[in-house]
PDB file of all heavy atoms in Angstrom:
ATOM      1  N   TYR A   1       0.831  -1.200   0.000  1.00  0.00           N
ATOM      2  CA  TYR A   1       0.000   0.000   0.000  1.00  0.00           C
ATOM      3  C   TYR A   1       0.870   1.256   0.000  1.00  0.00           C
ATOM      4  O   TYR A   1       1.864   1.343   0.736  1.00  0.00           O
ATOM      5  CB  TYR A   1      -0.907   0.026   1.231  1.00  0.00           C
ATOM      6  CG  TYR A   1      -1.892  -1.119   1.297  1.00  0.00           C
ATOM      7  CD1 TYR A   1      -1.556  -2.308   1.936  1.00  0.00           C
ATOM      8  CD2 TYR A   1      -3.151  -1.019   0.722  1.00  0.00           C
ATOM      9  CE1 TYR A   1      -2.452  -3.367   2.013  1.00  0.00           C
ATOM     10  CE2 TYR A   1      -4.061  -2.066   0.790  1.00  0.00           C
ATOM     11  CZ  TYR A   1      -3.705  -3.231   1.433  1.00  0.00           C
ATOM     12  OH  TYR A   1      -4.593  -4.277   1.502  1.00  0.00           O
ATOM     13  N   GLU A   2       0.508   2.190  -0.843  1.00  0.00           N
ATOM     14  CA  GLU A   2       1.157   3.497  -0.824  1.00  0.00           C
ATOM     15  C   GLU A   2       0.600   4.315   0.346  1.00  0.00           C
ATOM     16  O   GLU A   2      -0.568   4.158   0.715  1.00  0.00           O
ATOM     17  CB  GLU A   2       0.892   4.240  -2.133  1.00  0.00           C
ATOM     18  CG  GLU A   2       1.535   3.602  -3.358  1.00  0.00           C
ATOM     19  CD  GLU A   2       3.049   3.663  -3.311  1.00  0.00           C
ATOM     20  OE1 GLU A   2       3.582   4.624  -2.707  1.00  0.00           O
ATOM     21  OE2 GLU A   2       3.698   2.752  -3.859  1.00  0.00           O
ATOM     22  N   PRO A   3       1.420   5.185   0.934  1.00  0.00           N
ATOM     23  CA  PRO A   3       0.914   6.029   2.027  1.00  0.00           C
ATOM     24  C   PRO A   3      -0.223   6.926   1.536  1.00  0.00           C
ATOM     25  O   PRO A   3      -0.093   7.608   0.522  1.00  0.00           O
ATOM     26  CB  PRO A   3       2.138   6.850   2.436  1.00  0.00           C
ATOM     27  CG  PRO A   3       3.318   6.083   1.921  1.00  0.00           C
ATOM     28  CD  PRO A   3       2.851   5.391   0.683  1.00  0.00           C
ATOM     29  N   VAL A   4      -1.342   6.880   2.242  1.00  0.00           N
ATOM     30  CA  VAL A   4      -2.499   7.711   1.911  1.00  0.00           C
ATOM     31  C   VAL A   4      -2.964   8.414   3.179  1.00  0.00           C
ATOM     32  O   VAL A   4      -3.213   7.763   4.199  1.00  0.00           O
ATOM     33  CB  VAL A   4      -3.653   6.868   1.328  1.00  0.00           C
ATOM     34  CG1 VAL A   4      -4.877   7.746   1.070  1.00  0.00           C
ATOM     35  CG2 VAL A   4      -3.225   6.165   0.049  1.00  0.00           C
ATOM     36  N   GLY A   5      -3.089   9.724   3.125  1.00  0.00           N
ATOM     37  CA  GLY A   5      -3.535  10.476   4.283  1.00  0.00           C
ATOM     38  C   GLY A   5      -2.414  10.716   5.275  1.00  0.00           C
ATOM     39  O   GLY A   5      -1.230  10.466   5.003  1.00  0.00           O
ATOM     40  N   THR A   6      -2.798  11.181   6.447  1.00  0.00           N
ATOM     41  CA  THR A   6      -1.830  11.478   7.502  1.00  0.00           C
ATOM     42  C   THR A   6      -2.274  10.812   8.798  1.00  0.00           C
ATOM     43  O   THR A   6      -3.426  10.397   8.950  1.00  0.00           O
ATOM     44  CB  THR A   6      -1.716  12.989   7.738  1.00  0.00           C
ATOM     45  OG1 THR A   6      -2.982  13.483   8.228  1.00  0.00           O
ATOM     46  CG2 THR A   6      -1.347  13.717   6.453  1.00  0.00           C
ATOM     47  N   LEU A   7      -1.338  10.726   9.731  1.00  0.00           N
ATOM     48  CA  LEU A   7      -1.655  10.137  11.030  1.00  0.00           C
ATOM     49  C   LEU A   7      -2.706  10.980  11.752  1.00  0.00           C
ATOM     50  O   LEU A   7      -3.592  10.449  12.428  1.00  0.00           O
ATOM     51  CB  LEU A   7      -0.378  10.032  11.868  1.00  0.00           C
ATOM     52  CG  LEU A   7      -0.492   9.263  13.194  1.00  0.00           C
ATOM     53  CD1 LEU A   7      -0.878   7.809  12.943  1.00  0.00           C
ATOM     54  CD2 LEU A   7       0.817   9.334  13.975  1.00  0.00           C
ATOM     55  N   GLU A   8      -2.617  12.294  11.579  1.00  0.00           N
ATOM     56  CA  GLU A   8      -3.588  13.181  12.222  1.00  0.00           C
ATOM     57  C   GLU A   8      -5.004  12.927  11.710  1.00  0.00           C
ATOM     58  O   GLU A   8      -5.980  13.005  12.467  1.00  0.00           O
ATOM     59  CB  GLU A   8      -3.209  14.653  11.982  1.00  0.00           C
ATOM     60  CG  GLU A   8      -1.968  15.128  12.723  1.00  0.00           C
ATOM     61  CD  GLU A   8      -0.676  14.549  12.146  1.00  0.00           C
ATOM     62  OE1 GLU A   8      -0.684  14.162  10.939  1.00  0.00           O
ATOM     63  OE2 GLU A   8       0.319  14.459  12.892  1.00  0.00           O
ATOM     64  N   GLU A   9      -5.109  12.595  10.425  1.00  0.00           N
ATOM     65  CA  GLU A   9      -6.430  12.318   9.861  1.00  0.00           C
ATOM     66  C   GLU A   9      -7.000  10.997  10.375  1.00  0.00           C
ATOM     67  O   GLU A   9      -8.223  10.788  10.363  1.00  0.00           O
ATOM     68  CB  GLU A   9      -6.349  12.287   8.330  1.00  0.00           C
ATOM     69  CG  GLU A   9      -6.062  13.639   7.710  1.00  0.00           C
ATOM     70  CD  GLU A   9      -5.784  13.554   6.218  1.00  0.00           C
ATOM     71  OE1 GLU A   9      -5.473  12.449   5.729  1.00  0.00           O
ATOM     72  OE2 GLU A   9      -5.867  14.591   5.541  1.00  0.00           O
ATOM     73  N   ALA A  10      -6.121  10.101  10.836  1.00  0.00           N
ATOM     74  CA  ALA A  10      -6.579   8.820  11.381  1.00  0.00           C
ATOM     75  C   ALA A  10      -7.005   8.936  12.843  1.00  0.00           C
ATOM     76  O   ALA A  10      -7.611   8.007  13.390  1.00  0.00           O
ATOM     77  CB  ALA A  10      -5.472   7.778  11.254  1.00  0.00           C
ATOM     78  N   LEU A  11      -6.702  10.074  13.473  1.00  0.00           N
ATOM     79  CA  LEU A  11      -7.057  10.282  14.878  1.00  0.00           C
ATOM     80  C   LEU A  11      -8.566  10.452  15.023  1.00  0.00           C
ATOM     81  O   LEU A  11      -9.166  11.322  14.394  1.00  0.00           O
ATOM     82  CB  LEU A  11      -6.322  11.504  15.426  1.00  0.00           C
ATOM     83  CG  LEU A  11      -6.567  11.849  16.896  1.00  0.00           C
ATOM     84  CD1 LEU A  11      -6.063  10.728  17.807  1.00  0.00           C
ATOM     85  CD2 LEU A  11      -5.878  13.170  17.245  1.00  0.00           C
ATOM     86  N   VAL A  12      -9.175   9.617  15.839  1.00  0.00           N
ATOM     87  CA  VAL A  12     -10.625   9.643  16.020  1.00  0.00           C
ATOM     88  C   VAL A  12     -11.019  10.471  17.235  1.00  0.00           C
ATOM     89  O   VAL A  12     -11.926  11.308  17.193  1.00  0.00           O
ATOM     90  CB  VAL A  12     -11.181   8.209  16.169  1.00  0.00           C
ATOM     91  CG1 VAL A  12     -12.680   8.227  16.435  1.00  0.00           C
ATOM     92  CG2 VAL A  12     -10.860   7.389  14.930  1.00  0.00           C
ATOM     93  N   GLU A  13     -10.324  10.242  18.345  1.00  0.00           N
ATOM     94  CA  GLU A  13     -10.660  10.922  19.598  1.00  0.00           C
ATOM     95  C   GLU A  13      -9.537  10.688  20.596  1.00  0.00           C
ATOM     96  O   GLU A  13      -8.558   9.990  20.313  1.00  0.00           O
ATOM     97  CB  GLU A  13     -11.972  10.356  20.178  1.00  0.00           C
ATOM     98  CG  GLU A  13     -11.885   8.872  20.521  1.00  0.00           C
ATOM     99  CD  GLU A  13     -13.127   8.346  21.200  1.00  0.00           C
ATOM    100  OE1 GLU A  13     -13.936   9.159  21.675  1.00  0.00           O
ATOM    101  OE2 GLU A  13     -13.280   7.106  21.281  1.00  0.00           O
ATOM    102  N   TYR A  14      -9.704  11.293  21.761  1.00  0.00           N
ATOM    103  CA  TYR A  14      -8.855  10.984  22.906  1.00  0.00           C
ATOM    104  C   TYR A  14      -9.730  10.317  23.963  1.00  0.00           C
ATOM    105  O   TYR A  14     -10.899  10.669  24.135  1.00  0.00           O
ATOM    106  CB  TYR A  14      -8.215  12.245  23.478  1.00  0.00           C
ATOM    107  CG  TYR A  14      -7.030  12.747  22.677  1.00  0.00           C
ATOM    108  CD1 TYR A  14      -7.207  13.613  21.611  1.00  0.00           C
ATOM    109  CD2 TYR A  14      -5.736  12.329  22.982  1.00  0.00           C
ATOM    110  CE1 TYR A  14      -6.136  14.066  20.863  1.00  0.00           C
ATOM    111  CE2 TYR A  14      -4.645  12.783  22.242  1.00  0.00           C
ATOM    112  CZ  TYR A  14      -4.852  13.654  21.190  1.00  0.00           C
ATOM    113  OH  TYR A  14      -3.789  14.098  20.451  1.00  0.00           O
ATOM    114  N   ARG A  15      -9.155   9.331  24.662  1.00  0.00           N
ATOM    115  CA  ARG A  15      -9.914   8.623  25.686  1.00  0.00           C
ATOM    116  C   ARG A  15      -8.997   8.315  26.857  1.00  0.00           C
ATOM    117  O   ARG A  15      -7.799   8.062  26.675  1.00  0.00           O
ATOM    118  CB  ARG A  15     -10.472   7.322  25.095  1.00  0.00           C
ATOM    119  CG  ARG A  15     -11.393   6.556  26.022  1.00  0.00           C
ATOM    120  CD  ARG A  15     -12.136   5.453  25.284  1.00  0.00           C
ATOM    121  NE  ARG A  15     -11.296   4.319  24.918  1.00  0.00           N
ATOM    122  CZ  ARG A  15     -11.258   3.780  23.709  1.00  0.00           C
ATOM    123  NH1 ARG A  15     -12.002   4.281  22.737  1.00  0.00           N
ATOM    124  NH2 ARG A  15     -10.486   2.746  23.453  1.00  0.00           N
ATOM    125  N   ASP A  16      -9.554   8.352  28.051  1.00  0.00           N
ATOM    126  CA  ASP A  16      -8.779   7.983  29.233  1.00  0.00           C
ATOM    127  C   ASP A  16      -8.578   6.470  29.260  1.00  0.00           C
ATOM    128  O   ASP A  16      -9.545   5.699  29.241  1.00  0.00           O
ATOM    129  CB  ASP A  16      -9.500   8.425  30.511  1.00  0.00           C
ATOM    130  CG  ASP A  16      -9.429   9.934  30.713  1.00  0.00           C
ATOM    131  OD1 ASP A  16      -8.516  10.557  30.155  1.00  0.00           O
ATOM    132  OD2 ASP A  16     -10.301  10.486  31.418  1.00  0.00           O
ATOM    133  N   VAL A  17      -7.305   6.059  29.291  1.00  0.00           N
ATOM    134  CA  VAL A  17      -6.956   4.634  29.293  1.00  0.00           C
ATOM    135  C   VAL A  17      -6.017   4.367  30.461  1.00  0.00           C
ATOM    136  O   VAL A  17      -5.098   5.151  30.728  1.00  0.00           O
ATOM    137  CB  VAL A  17      -6.281   4.220  27.969  1.00  0.00           C
ATOM    138  CG1 VAL A  17      -5.911   2.744  27.994  1.00  0.00           C
ATOM    139  CG2 VAL A  17      -7.188   4.516  26.785  1.00  0.00           C
ATOM    140  N   TYR A  18      -6.238   3.275  31.163  1.00  0.00           N
ATOM    141  CA  TYR A  18      -5.438   2.928  32.334  1.00  0.00           C
ATOM    142  C   TYR A  18      -4.157   2.215  31.908  1.00  0.00           C
ATOM    143  O   TYR A  18      -4.195   1.178  31.255  1.00  0.00           O
ATOM    144  CB  TYR A  18      -6.241   2.019  33.268  1.00  0.00           C
ATOM    145  CG  TYR A  18      -5.586   1.754  34.609  1.00  0.00           C
ATOM    146  CD1 TYR A  18      -5.933   2.502  35.728  1.00  0.00           C
ATOM    147  CD2 TYR A  18      -4.622   0.753  34.761  1.00  0.00           C
ATOM    148  CE1 TYR A  18      -5.350   2.255  36.963  1.00  0.00           C
ATOM    149  CE2 TYR A  18      -4.024   0.504  35.984  1.00  0.00           C
ATOM    150  CZ  TYR A  18      -4.393   1.260  37.083  1.00  0.00           C
ATOM    151  OH  TYR A  18      -3.808   1.023  38.305  1.00  0.00           O
ATOM    152  N   PHE A  19      -3.020   2.790  32.285  1.00  0.00           N
ATOM    153  CA  PHE A  19      -1.719   2.152  32.084  1.00  0.00           C
ATOM    154  C   PHE A  19      -0.990   2.152  33.419  1.00  0.00           C
ATOM    155  O   PHE A  19      -0.658   3.221  33.959  1.00  0.00           O
ATOM    156  CB  PHE A  19      -0.884   2.910  31.047  1.00  0.00           C
ATOM    157  CG  PHE A  19      -1.384   2.763  29.631  1.00  0.00           C
ATOM    158  CD1 PHE A  19      -2.095   3.789  29.033  1.00  0.00           C
ATOM    159  CD2 PHE A  19      -1.144   1.599  28.912  1.00  0.00           C
ATOM    160  CE1 PHE A  19      -2.557   3.670  27.729  1.00  0.00           C
ATOM    161  CE2 PHE A  19      -1.597   1.469  27.608  1.00  0.00           C
ATOM    162  CZ  PHE A  19      -2.315   2.501  27.014  1.00  0.00           C
ATOM    163  N   GLU A  20      -0.742   0.996  33.975  1.00  0.00           N
ATOM    164  CA  GLU A  20      -0.087   0.902  35.281  1.00  0.00           C
ATOM    165  C   GLU A  20       1.297   1.529  35.242  1.00  0.00           C
ATOM    166  O   GLU A  20       1.705   2.203  36.202  1.00  0.00           O
ATOM    167  CB  GLU A  20       0.017  -0.563  35.701  1.00  0.00           C
ATOM    168  CG  GLU A  20       0.608  -0.744  37.089  1.00  0.00           C
ATOM    169  CD  GLU A  20       0.729  -2.208  37.485  1.00  0.00           C
ATOM    170  OE1 GLU A  20       1.080  -3.015  36.601  1.00  0.00           O
ATOM    171  OE2 GLU A  20       0.482  -2.531  38.658  1.00  0.00           O
ATOM    172  N   GLU A  21       2.014   1.336  34.107  1.00  0.00           N
ATOM    173  CA  GLU A  21       3.362   1.882  34.012  1.00  0.00           C
ATOM    174  C   GLU A  21       3.392   3.404  33.994  1.00  0.00           C
ATOM    175  O   GLU A  21       4.427   4.027  34.243  1.00  0.00           O
ATOM    176  CB  GLU A  21       4.070   1.336  32.772  1.00  0.00           C
ATOM    177  CG  GLU A  21       3.309   1.516  31.464  1.00  0.00           C
ATOM    178  CD  GLU A  21       2.458   0.317  31.104  1.00  0.00           C
ATOM    179  OE1 GLU A  21       1.511   0.054  31.872  1.00  0.00           O
ATOM    180  OE2 GLU A  21       2.726  -0.328  30.081  1.00  0.00           O
ATOM    181  N   ALA A  22       2.235   4.035  33.709  1.00  0.00           N
ATOM    182  CA  ALA A  22       2.137   5.500  33.714  1.00  0.00           C
ATOM    183  C   ALA A  22       1.479   6.019  34.984  1.00  0.00           C
ATOM    184  O   ALA A  22       1.244   7.214  35.113  1.00  0.00           O
ATOM    185  CB  ALA A  22       1.368   5.975  32.490  1.00  0.00           C
ATOM    186  N   GLY A  23       1.145   5.100  35.902  1.00  0.00           N
ATOM    187  CA  GLY A  23       0.585   5.518  37.184  1.00  0.00           C
ATOM    188  C   GLY A  23      -0.923   5.630  37.217  1.00  0.00           C
ATOM    189  O   GLY A  23      -1.480   6.124  38.203  1.00  0.00           O
ATOM    190  N   GLY A  24      -1.620   5.203  36.173  1.00  0.00           N
ATOM    191  CA  GLY A  24      -3.085   5.272  36.191  1.00  0.00           C
ATOM    192  C   GLY A  24      -3.640   5.690  34.850  1.00  0.00           C
ATOM    193  O   GLY A  24      -3.123   5.326  33.789  1.00  0.00           O
ATOM    194  N   MET A  25      -4.695   6.496  34.902  1.00  0.00           N
ATOM    195  CA  MET A  25      -5.369   6.925  33.681  1.00  0.00           C
ATOM    196  C   MET A  25      -4.533   7.933  32.900  1.00  0.00           C
ATOM    197  O   MET A  25      -3.947   8.853  33.478  1.00  0.00           O
ATOM    198  CB  MET A  25      -6.728   7.541  34.018  1.00  0.00           C
ATOM    199  CG  MET A  25      -7.784   6.522  34.395  1.00  0.00           C
ATOM    200  SD  MET A  25      -8.173   5.464  32.972  1.00  0.00           S
ATOM    201  CE  MET A  25      -9.469   4.451  33.669  1.00  0.00           C
ATOM    202  N   VAL A  26      -4.475   7.717  31.586  1.00  0.00           N
ATOM    203  CA  VAL A  26      -3.718   8.596  30.697  1.00  0.00           C
ATOM    204  C   VAL A  26      -4.618   8.990  29.529  1.00  0.00           C
ATOM    205  O   VAL A  26      -5.292   8.140  28.938  1.00  0.00           O
ATOM    206  CB  VAL A  26      -2.455   7.880  30.157  1.00  0.00           C
ATOM    207  CG1 VAL A  26      -1.712   8.785  29.181  1.00  0.00           C
ATOM    208  CG2 VAL A  26      -1.544   7.450  31.298  1.00  0.00           C
ATOM    209  N   LYS A  27      -4.632  10.286  29.204  1.00  0.00           N
ATOM    210  CA  LYS A  27      -5.374  10.747  28.033  1.00  0.00           C
ATOM    211  C   LYS A  27      -4.659  10.221  26.788  1.00  0.00           C
ATOM    212  O   LYS A  27      -3.536  10.613  26.479  1.00  0.00           O
ATOM    213  CB  LYS A  27      -5.443  12.272  28.015  1.00  0.00           C
ATOM    214  CG  LYS A  27      -6.356  12.832  26.924  1.00  0.00           C
ATOM    215  CD  LYS A  27      -6.438  14.343  27.002  1.00  0.00           C
ATOM    216  CE  LYS A  27      -7.379  14.890  25.930  1.00  0.00           C
ATOM    217  NZ  LYS A  27      -7.468  16.366  25.971  1.00  0.00           N
ATOM    218  N   THR A  28      -5.320   9.327  26.063  1.00  0.00           N
ATOM    219  CA  THR A  28      -4.660   8.532  25.026  1.00  0.00           C
ATOM    220  C   THR A  28      -5.298   8.767  23.659  1.00  0.00           C
ATOM    221  O   THR A  28      -6.526   8.745  23.536  1.00  0.00           O
ATOM    222  CB  THR A  28      -4.754   7.032  25.379  1.00  0.00           C
ATOM    223  OG1 THR A  28      -4.171   6.820  26.677  1.00  0.00           O
ATOM    224  CG2 THR A  28      -4.039   6.171  24.351  1.00  0.00           C
ATOM    225  N   PRO A  29      -4.484   8.973  22.618  1.00  0.00           N
ATOM    226  CA  PRO A  29      -5.046   9.116  21.265  1.00  0.00           C
ATOM    227  C   PRO A  29      -5.591   7.785  20.761  1.00  0.00           C
ATOM    228  O   PRO A  29      -4.953   6.747  20.905  1.00  0.00           O
ATOM    229  CB  PRO A  29      -3.852   9.591  20.432  1.00  0.00           C
ATOM    230  CG  PRO A  29      -2.644   9.115  21.185  1.00  0.00           C
ATOM    231  CD  PRO A  29      -3.014   9.146  22.633  1.00  0.00           C
ATOM    232  N   ILE A  30      -6.764   7.836  20.145  1.00  0.00           N
ATOM    233  CA  ILE A  30      -7.406   6.655  19.583  1.00  0.00           C
ATOM    234  C   ILE A  30      -7.416   6.806  18.067  1.00  0.00           C
ATOM    235  O   ILE A  30      -7.986   7.758  17.528  1.00  0.00           O
ATOM    236  CB  ILE A  30      -8.854   6.489  20.100  1.00  0.00           C
ATOM    237  CG1 ILE A  30      -8.908   6.627  21.629  1.00  0.00           C
ATOM    238  CG2 ILE A  30      -9.432   5.167  19.619  1.00  0.00           C
ATOM    239  CD1 ILE A  30      -8.109   5.579  22.383  1.00  0.00           C
ATOM    240  N   TYR A  31      -6.767   5.870  17.370  1.00  0.00           N
ATOM    241  CA  TYR A  31      -6.656   5.939  15.918  1.00  0.00           C
ATOM    242  C   TYR A  31      -7.563   4.890  15.263  1.00  0.00           C
ATOM    243  O   TYR A  31      -7.770   3.800  15.803  1.00  0.00           O
ATOM    244  CB  TYR A  31      -5.215   5.686  15.473  1.00  0.00           C
ATOM    245  CG  TYR A  31      -4.226   6.727  15.940  1.00  0.00           C
ATOM    246  CD1 TYR A  31      -3.380   6.477  17.019  1.00  0.00           C
ATOM    247  CD2 TYR A  31      -4.136   7.963  15.301  1.00  0.00           C
ATOM    248  CE1 TYR A  31      -2.465   7.431  17.452  1.00  0.00           C
ATOM    249  CE2 TYR A  31      -3.221   8.924  15.723  1.00  0.00           C
ATOM    250  CZ  TYR A  31      -2.395   8.653  16.795  1.00  0.00           C
ATOM    251  OH  TYR A  31      -1.495   9.600  17.220  1.00  0.00           O
ATOM    252  N   ALA A  32      -8.061   5.216  14.093  1.00  0.00           N
ATOM    253  CA  ALA A  32      -8.744   4.238  13.252  1.00  0.00           C
ATOM    254  C   ALA A  32      -7.668   3.451  12.524  1.00  0.00           C
ATOM    255  O   ALA A  32      -6.967   4.003  11.667  1.00  0.00           O
ATOM    256  CB  ALA A  32      -9.681   4.930  12.271  1.00  0.00           C
ATOM    257  N   ARG A  33      -7.506   2.177  12.881  1.00  0.00           N
ATOM    258  CA  ARG A  33      -6.402   1.371  12.364  1.00  0.00           C
ATOM    259  C   ARG A  33      -6.362   1.379  10.838  1.00  0.00           C
ATOM    260  O   ARG A  33      -5.285   1.496  10.225  1.00  0.00           O
ATOM    261  CB  ARG A  33      -6.542  -0.066  12.887  1.00  0.00           C
ATOM    262  CG  ARG A  33      -5.636  -1.101  12.226  1.00  0.00           C
ATOM    263  CD  ARG A  33      -4.221  -1.022  12.765  1.00  0.00           C
ATOM    264  NE  ARG A  33      -3.299  -1.790  11.932  1.00  0.00           N
ATOM    265  CZ  ARG A  33      -2.977  -3.067  12.101  1.00  0.00           C
ATOM    266  NH1 ARG A  33      -3.514  -3.753  13.086  1.00  0.00           N
ATOM    267  NH2 ARG A  33      -2.107  -3.660  11.315  1.00  0.00           N
ATOM    268  N   ASP A  34      -7.505   1.252  10.186  1.00  0.00           N
ATOM    269  CA  ASP A  34      -7.547   1.168   8.727  1.00  0.00           C
ATOM    270  C   ASP A  34      -7.132   2.473   8.051  1.00  0.00           C
ATOM    271  O   ASP A  34      -6.791   2.476   6.861  1.00  0.00           O
ATOM    272  CB  ASP A  34      -8.952   0.779   8.259  1.00  0.00           C
ATOM    273  CG  ASP A  34      -9.343  -0.609   8.745  1.00  0.00           C
ATOM    274  OD1 ASP A  34      -8.434  -1.428   8.980  1.00  0.00           O
ATOM    275  OD2 ASP A  34     -10.550  -0.870   8.906  1.00  0.00           O
ATOM    276  N   SER A  35      -7.155   3.575   8.803  1.00  0.00           N
ATOM    277  CA  SER A  35      -6.822   4.882   8.217  1.00  0.00           C
ATOM    278  C   SER A  35      -5.392   5.312   8.497  1.00  0.00           C
ATOM    279  O   SER A  35      -4.938   6.342   7.991  1.00  0.00           O
ATOM    280  CB  SER A  35      -7.785   5.957   8.750  1.00  0.00           C
ATOM    281  OG  SER A  35      -9.119   5.649   8.408  1.00  0.00           O
ATOM    282  N   ILE A  36      -4.667   4.552   9.320  1.00  0.00           N
ATOM    283  CA  ILE A  36      -3.270   4.895   9.597  1.00  0.00           C
ATOM    284  C   ILE A  36      -2.447   4.641   8.334  1.00  0.00           C
ATOM    285  O   ILE A  36      -2.424   3.522   7.820  1.00  0.00           O
ATOM    286  CB  ILE A  36      -2.718   4.064  10.766  1.00  0.00           C
ATOM    287  CG1 ILE A  36      -3.516   4.338  12.049  1.00  0.00           C
ATOM    288  CG2 ILE A  36      -1.241   4.365  10.988  1.00  0.00           C
ATOM    289  CD1 ILE A  36      -3.098   3.481  13.230  1.00  0.00           C
ATOM    290  N   PRO A  37      -1.785   5.637   7.797  1.00  0.00           N
ATOM    291  CA  PRO A  37      -1.054   5.454   6.533  1.00  0.00           C
ATOM    292  C   PRO A  37       0.161   4.546   6.706  1.00  0.00           C
ATOM    293  O   PRO A  37       0.772   4.500   7.781  1.00  0.00           O
ATOM    294  CB  PRO A  37      -0.639   6.874   6.147  1.00  0.00           C
ATOM    295  CG  PRO A  37      -0.659   7.641   7.423  1.00  0.00           C
ATOM    296  CD  PRO A  37      -1.715   7.026   8.286  1.00  0.00           C
ATOM    297  N   THR A  38       0.494   3.828   5.646  1.00  0.00           N
ATOM    298  CA  THR A  38       1.699   3.013   5.679  1.00  0.00           C
ATOM    299  C   THR A  38       2.926   3.910   5.818  1.00  0.00           C
ATOM    300  O   THR A  38       2.910   5.086   5.459  1.00  0.00           O
ATOM    301  CB  THR A  38       1.825   2.171   4.399  1.00  0.00           C
ATOM    302  OG1 THR A  38       1.821   3.056   3.267  1.00  0.00           O
ATOM    303  CG2 THR A  38       0.677   1.197   4.265  1.00  0.00           C
ATOM    304  N   LEU A  39       3.986   3.328   6.364  1.00  0.00           N
ATOM    305  CA  LEU A  39       5.280   3.992   6.582  1.00  0.00           C
ATOM    306  C   LEU A  39       5.218   5.090   7.626  1.00  0.00           C
ATOM    307  O   LEU A  39       6.190   5.829   7.820  1.00  0.00           O
ATOM    308  CB  LEU A  39       5.846   4.554   5.261  1.00  0.00           C
ATOM    309  CG  LEU A  39       5.940   3.559   4.092  1.00  0.00           C
ATOM    310  CD1 LEU A  39       6.597   4.222   2.893  1.00  0.00           C
ATOM    311  CD2 LEU A  39       6.710   2.306   4.501  1.00  0.00           C
ATOM    312  N   SER A  40       4.084   5.223   8.320  1.00  0.00           N
ATOM    313  CA  SER A  40       4.002   6.210   9.399  1.00  0.00           C
ATOM    314  C   SER A  40       4.587   5.620  10.680  1.00  0.00           C
ATOM    315  O   SER A  40       4.645   4.403  10.851  1.00  0.00           O
ATOM    316  CB  SER A  40       2.553   6.638   9.627  1.00  0.00           C
ATOM    317  OG  SER A  40       1.745   5.526   9.954  1.00  0.00           O
ATOM    318  N   GLU A  41       4.996   6.507  11.578  1.00  0.00           N
ATOM    319  CA  GLU A  41       5.581   6.091  12.850  1.00  0.00           C
ATOM    320  C   GLU A  41       5.012   6.944  13.966  1.00  0.00           C
ATOM    321  O   GLU A  41       4.739   8.130  13.779  1.00  0.00           O
ATOM    322  CB  GLU A  41       7.107   6.218  12.806  1.00  0.00           C
ATOM    323  CG  GLU A  41       7.777   5.360  11.742  1.00  0.00           C
ATOM    324  CD  GLU A  41       9.303   5.412  11.816  1.00  0.00           C
ATOM    325  OE1 GLU A  41       9.823   5.464  12.951  1.00  0.00           O
ATOM    326  OE2 GLU A  41       9.962   5.408  10.760  1.00  0.00           O
ATOM    327  N   PHE A  42       4.824   6.312  15.117  1.00  0.00           N
ATOM    328  CA  PHE A  42       4.373   7.061  16.294  1.00  0.00           C
ATOM    329  C   PHE A  42       4.717   6.257  17.542  1.00  0.00           C
ATOM    330  O   PHE A  42       5.138   5.102  17.463  1.00  0.00           O
ATOM    331  CB  PHE A  42       2.872   7.357  16.225  1.00  0.00           C
ATOM    332  CG  PHE A  42       1.986   6.148  16.105  1.00  0.00           C
ATOM    333  CD1 PHE A  42       1.364   5.597  17.216  1.00  0.00           C
ATOM    334  CD2 PHE A  42       1.760   5.554  14.865  1.00  0.00           C
ATOM    335  CE1 PHE A  42       0.553   4.487  17.106  1.00  0.00           C
ATOM    336  CE2 PHE A  42       0.939   4.441  14.742  1.00  0.00           C
ATOM    337  CZ  PHE A  42       0.329   3.905  15.867  1.00  0.00           C
ATOM    338  N   THR A  43       4.557   6.877  18.701  1.00  0.00           N
ATOM    339  CA  THR A  43       4.906   6.225  19.965  1.00  0.00           C
ATOM    340  C   THR A  43       3.684   6.167  20.876  1.00  0.00           C
ATOM    341  O   THR A  43       2.732   6.936  20.734  1.00  0.00           O
ATOM    342  CB  THR A  43       6.036   6.974  20.694  1.00  0.00           C
ATOM    343  OG1 THR A  43       5.637   8.339  20.907  1.00  0.00           O
ATOM    344  CG2 THR A  43       7.308   6.962  19.865  1.00  0.00           C
ATOM    345  N   GLY A  44       3.740   5.225  21.811  1.00  0.00           N
ATOM    346  CA  GLY A  44       2.659   5.079  22.771  1.00  0.00           C
ATOM    347  C   GLY A  44       2.799   6.082  23.907  1.00  0.00           C
ATOM    348  O   GLY A  44       3.816   6.772  24.028  1.00  0.00           O
TER     349      GLY A  44
END
């Protein structure tokens, strides 16, 4: 697949998600997996 769109366009919302390693609830970006462009990179 050729890269189509941007990572920002794949962002659907932010949601509070519990991560023990972060000490509790973290405001977390929620992406639509099918819309994430190929060759893009991001971190948790």
